[in-house]
Amino acid sequence: MPHTHIQTLHLPRRTGFFARITHFLQQSFARRRDRLKLGHLDQRLLRDIGLDAVAATEECAKPFWRS
């Protein structure tokens, strides 16, 4: 079976107003999604990623726009 090598191009990052807003929204929604998933993990899985229930609860309580 032949191997295919795909080269990726490093494009310059857009720095305009709408690009910054888009980036902010993407990051905010990703944080919200990740915190919702974190809130559904049990003790064993939290321990696997190095968190306890208190730290997970504090992280889940943050608003989506905060890092």
N, C-alpha and C. Protein backbone atom coordinates (compact mmCIF):
# COMPACT_ATOMS: atom_id res chain seq x y z
N MET A 1 0.85 -1.17 0.00
CA MET A 1 0.00 0.00 0.00
C MET A 1 0.90 1.24 0.00
N PRO A 2 0.70 2.17 -0.92
CA PRO A 2 1.57 3.36 -0.99
C PRO A 2 1.27 4.31 0.17
N HIS A 3 2.33 4.97 0.62
CA HIS A 3 2.19 5.96 1.68
C HIS A 3 2.06 7.35 1.07
N THR A 4 1.15 8.12 1.58
CA THR A 4 0.95 9.46 1.08
C THR A 4 1.43 10.45 2.11
N HIS A 5 2.20 11.40 1.67
CA HIS A 5 2.69 12.45 2.56
C HIS A 5 1.95 13.74 2.21
N ILE A 6 1.29 14.30 3.18
CA ILE A 6 0.55 15.54 2.97
C ILE A 6 1.30 16.66 3.67
N GLN A 7 1.66 17.66 2.90
CA GLN A 7 2.37 18.79 3.46
C GLN A 7 1.36 19.88 3.80
N THR A 8 1.48 20.43 4.99
CA THR A 8 0.59 21.50 5.38
C THR A 8 1.29 22.84 5.21
N LEU A 9 0.52 23.83 4.86
CA LEU A 9 1.06 25.16 4.68
C LEU A 9 0.82 25.97 5.94
N HIS A 10 1.82 26.69 6.35
CA HIS A 10 1.67 27.57 7.50
C HIS A 10 1.26 28.94 6.99
N LEU A 11 -0.03 29.21 7.10
CA LEU A 11 -0.56 30.47 6.60
C LEU A 11 -0.45 31.53 7.68
N PRO A 12 -0.26 32.76 7.28
CA PRO A 12 -0.19 33.83 8.28
C PRO A 12 -1.53 33.98 8.98
N ARG A 13 -1.47 34.27 10.25
CA ARG A 13 -2.69 34.41 11.03
C ARG A 13 -3.36 35.74 10.70
N ARG A 14 -4.68 35.68 10.54
CA ARG A 14 -5.43 36.90 10.27
C ARG A 14 -5.49 37.72 11.55
N THR A 15 -5.31 39.02 11.44
CA THR A 15 -5.28 39.84 12.63
C THR A 15 -6.36 40.92 12.60
N GLY A 16 -7.28 40.83 11.68
CA GLY A 16 -8.34 41.83 11.61
C GLY A 16 -9.35 41.66 12.75
N PHE A 17 -10.21 42.63 12.86
CA PHE A 17 -11.21 42.65 13.93
C PHE A 17 -12.08 41.40 13.91
N PHE A 18 -12.61 41.04 12.76
CA PHE A 18 -13.51 39.88 12.67
C PHE A 18 -12.75 38.58 12.94
N ALA A 19 -11.50 38.53 12.54
CA ALA A 19 -10.69 37.34 12.82
C ALA A 19 -10.47 37.19 14.32
N ARG A 20 -10.22 38.30 15.01
CA ARG A 20 -10.02 38.24 16.47
C ARG A 20 -11.32 37.82 17.18
N ILE A 21 -12.44 38.36 16.73
CA ILE A 21 -13.73 37.99 17.31
C ILE A 21 -14.01 36.51 17.06
N THR A 22 -13.76 36.05 15.84
CA THR A 22 -13.98 34.65 15.50
C THR A 22 -13.11 33.75 16.37
N HIS A 23 -11.85 34.11 16.52
CA HIS A 23 -10.94 33.32 17.35
C HIS A 23 -11.42 33.28 18.80
N PHE A 24 -11.83 34.44 19.32
CA PHE A 24 -12.33 34.50 20.69
C PHE A 24 -13.55 33.60 20.87
N LEU A 25 -14.48 33.65 19.94
CA LEU A 25 -15.68 32.82 20.03
C LEU A 25 -15.35 31.33 19.94
N GLN A 26 -14.44 30.97 19.04
CA GLN A 26 -14.04 29.57 18.92
C GLN A 26 -13.44 29.07 20.22
N GLN A 27 -12.54 29.86 20.81
CA GLN A 27 -11.92 29.47 22.06
C GLN A 27 -12.94 29.40 23.20
N SER A 28 -13.87 30.34 23.23
CA SER A 28 -14.88 30.36 24.29
C SER A 28 -15.80 29.14 24.21
N PHE A 29 -16.23 28.80 23.01
CA PHE A 29 -17.10 27.63 22.85
C PHE A 29 -16.35 26.34 23.15
N ALA A 30 -15.07 26.29 22.81
CA ALA A 30 -14.27 25.10 23.12
C ALA A 30 -14.12 24.96 24.64
N ARG A 31 -13.88 26.08 25.34
CA ARG A 31 -13.79 26.02 26.81
C ARG A 31 -15.10 25.54 27.41
N ARG A 32 -16.22 26.06 26.91
CA ARG A 32 -17.53 25.66 27.43
C ARG A 32 -17.75 24.16 27.23
N ARG A 33 -17.46 23.67 26.02
CA ARG A 33 -17.62 22.25 25.70
C ARG A 33 -16.73 21.39 26.61
N ASP A 34 -15.48 21.80 26.79
CA ASP A 34 -14.56 21.02 27.62
C ASP A 34 -14.98 21.02 29.08
N ARG A 35 -15.48 22.14 29.57
CA ARG A 35 -15.93 22.20 30.97
C ARG A 35 -17.19 21.37 31.18
N LEU A 36 -18.06 21.35 30.20
CA LEU A 36 -19.25 20.48 30.32
C LEU A 36 -18.84 19.01 30.37
N LYS A 37 -17.88 18.63 29.53
CA LYS A 37 -17.39 17.25 29.55
C LYS A 37 -16.69 16.94 30.86
N LEU A 38 -15.92 17.89 31.37
CA LEU A 38 -15.22 17.70 32.65
C LEU A 38 -16.21 17.46 33.78
N GLY A 39 -17.34 18.15 33.74
CA GLY A 39 -18.35 17.99 34.78
C GLY A 39 -19.00 16.62 34.80
N HIS A 40 -18.86 15.85 33.72
CA HIS A 40 -19.46 14.52 33.66
C HIS A 40 -18.49 13.39 33.98
N LEU A 41 -17.24 13.73 34.27
CA LEU A 41 -16.25 12.69 34.58
C LEU A 41 -16.43 12.19 36.01
N ASP A 42 -16.21 10.91 36.20
CA ASP A 42 -16.29 10.35 37.56
C ASP A 42 -14.92 10.49 38.25
N GLN A 43 -14.88 10.10 39.53
CA GLN A 43 -13.67 10.25 40.36
C GLN A 43 -12.46 9.55 39.75
N ARG A 44 -12.68 8.38 39.20
CA ARG A 44 -11.56 7.61 38.63
C ARG A 44 -10.95 8.34 37.45
N LEU A 45 -11.80 8.87 36.56
CA LEU A 45 -11.29 9.58 35.40
C LEU A 45 -10.65 10.91 35.79
N LEU A 46 -11.21 11.59 36.77
CA LEU A 46 -10.59 12.82 37.26
C LEU A 46 -9.20 12.54 37.82
N ARG A 47 -9.09 11.46 38.57
CA ARG A 47 -7.79 11.09 39.13
C ARG A 47 -6.79 10.77 38.02
N ASP A 48 -7.26 10.16 36.94
CA ASP A 48 -6.39 9.84 35.80
C ASP A 48 -5.79 11.09 35.16
N ILE A 49 -6.54 12.19 35.16
CA ILE A 49 -6.01 13.41 34.56
C ILE A 49 -5.41 14.35 35.60
N GLY A 50 -5.32 13.90 36.83
CA GLY A 50 -4.64 14.65 37.87
C GLY A 50 -5.47 15.72 38.54
N LEU A 51 -6.78 15.56 38.55
CA LEU A 51 -7.66 16.53 39.21
C LEU A 51 -8.46 15.84 40.32
N ASP A 52 -8.86 16.63 41.29
CA ASP A 52 -9.80 16.10 42.28
C ASP A 52 -11.16 16.76 42.03
N ALA A 53 -12.15 16.34 42.77
CA ALA A 53 -13.52 16.83 42.54
C ALA A 53 -13.63 18.33 42.79
N VAL A 54 -12.90 18.84 43.77
CA VAL A 54 -12.97 20.27 44.08
C VAL A 54 -12.41 21.10 42.92
N ALA A 55 -11.25 20.70 42.39
CA ALA A 55 -10.65 21.43 41.27
C ALA A 55 -11.54 21.36 40.04
N ALA A 56 -12.14 20.21 39.79
CA ALA A 56 -13.03 20.06 38.64
C ALA A 56 -14.27 20.93 38.79
N THR A 57 -14.82 20.98 39.98
CA THR A 57 -15.99 21.82 40.24
C THR A 57 -15.66 23.29 40.05
N GLU A 58 -14.49 23.71 40.54
CA GLU A 58 -14.08 25.11 40.37
C GLU A 58 -13.90 25.45 38.89
N GLU A 59 -13.31 24.54 38.15
CA GLU A 59 -13.11 24.77 36.71
C GLU A 59 -14.45 24.84 35.98
N CYS A 60 -15.36 23.96 36.33
CA CYS A 60 -16.68 23.94 35.68
C CYS A 60 -17.51 25.17 36.01
N ALA A 61 -17.23 25.80 37.15
CA ALA A 61 -18.01 26.97 37.57
C ALA A 61 -17.58 28.25 36.86
N LYS A 62 -16.43 28.23 36.19
CA LYS A 62 -15.96 29.43 35.50
C LYS A 62 -16.86 29.73 34.31
N PRO A 63 -17.07 31.01 34.02
CA PRO A 63 -17.83 31.36 32.81
C PRO A 63 -17.02 31.01 31.56
N PHE A 64 -17.70 30.82 30.46
CA PHE A 64 -17.04 30.32 29.25
C PHE A 64 -15.99 31.28 28.70
N TRP A 65 -16.07 32.55 29.02
CA TRP A 65 -15.12 33.50 28.46
C TRP A 65 -13.82 33.58 29.27
N ARG A 66 -13.78 32.97 30.46
CA ARG A 66 -12.56 33.00 31.28
C ARG A 66 -11.68 31.80 31.00
N SER A 67 -10.37 32.04 30.97
CA SER A 67 -9.41 30.96 30.76
C SER A 67 -9.18 30.20 32.04
